[in-house]
Protein backbone atom coordinates (compact mmCIF):
# COMPACT_ATOMS: atom_id res chain seq x y z
CA MET A 1 0.64 4.17 -15.27
CA PRO A 2 3.25 2.33 -13.18
CA LYS A 3 2.88 2.27 -9.42
CA SER A 4 5.66 2.17 -6.86
CA LEU A 5 5.51 -0.81 -4.53
CA ILE A 6 7.48 -0.36 -1.34
CA ALA A 7 8.07 -3.57 0.62
CA VAL A 8 9.12 -3.31 4.26
CA PRO A 9 8.90 -5.61 7.29
CA ASN A 10 5.38 -5.85 8.74
CA HIS A 11 6.18 -3.81 11.82
CA LEU A 12 7.28 -0.83 9.68
CA THR A 13 4.32 -0.63 7.28
CA GLU A 14 2.38 2.05 9.15
CA GLN A 15 5.51 4.06 9.91
CA LEU A 16 6.48 4.06 6.23
CA ALA A 17 2.99 5.20 5.24
CA SER A 18 3.15 8.03 7.75
CA ASP A 19 6.60 9.10 6.57
CA PHE A 20 5.52 8.91 2.93
CA LEU A 21 2.56 11.20 3.61
CA THR A 22 4.82 13.60 5.50
CA LEU A 23 7.07 13.88 2.45
CA TYR A 24 4.22 13.86 -0.09
CA PRO A 25 1.10 15.22 1.67
CA GLY A 26 -1.13 15.01 -1.38
CA ALA A 27 -0.18 11.44 -2.29
CA ASN A 28 -2.80 8.74 -2.67
CA ILE A 29 -1.30 5.60 -1.17
CA LEU A 30 -2.62 2.13 -0.44
CA VAL A 31 -1.32 0.59 2.78
CA ALA A 32 -1.58 -3.17 3.20
CA THR A 33 -2.78 -4.69 6.46
CA LYS A 34 -2.57 -8.24 7.78
CA LYS A 35 -6.19 -8.78 6.71
CA ASP A 36 -5.30 -7.92 3.11
CA PHE A 37 -3.04 -10.97 2.93
CA GLU A 38 -5.48 -13.48 4.37
CA THR A 39 -6.42 -16.11 1.79
CA LYS A 40 -9.95 -14.80 1.28
CA ASN A 41 -8.81 -11.19 0.75
CA ARG A 42 -5.70 -11.52 -1.45
CA LYS A 43 -7.42 -11.38 -4.83
CA ARG A 44 -9.44 -8.32 -3.89
CA PHE A 45 -6.34 -6.55 -2.57
CA CYS A 46 -4.39 -7.32 -5.75
CA ALA A 47 -7.33 -6.06 -7.81
CA ARG A 48 -7.29 -2.81 -5.82
CA ILE A 49 -3.59 -2.42 -6.62
CA ALA A 50 -4.15 -3.08 -10.32
CA THR A 51 -7.20 -0.88 -10.82
CA GLY A 52 -6.69 1.89 -8.26
CA LYS A 53 -5.06 5.21 -9.00
CA TYR A 54 -2.44 5.07 -6.26
CA ASP A 55 0.83 6.93 -6.23
CA ALA A 56 2.37 4.15 -4.14
CA VAL A 57 1.50 0.87 -2.49
CA CYS A 58 3.08 0.12 0.90
CA LYS A 59 3.65 -3.40 2.11
């Protein structure tokens, strides 16, 4: 199943996630943090995107 990836500037990531959950309260979303894009964590984060059952991914 395709997932929506929403890319926004870093300072708006949490605000977008909050707004998304306001509009879609039952949604299962994955919100990226700065730690997710550190070299040691990138592969695991991408694997979570690929294998998780998320309605949207916010970064």
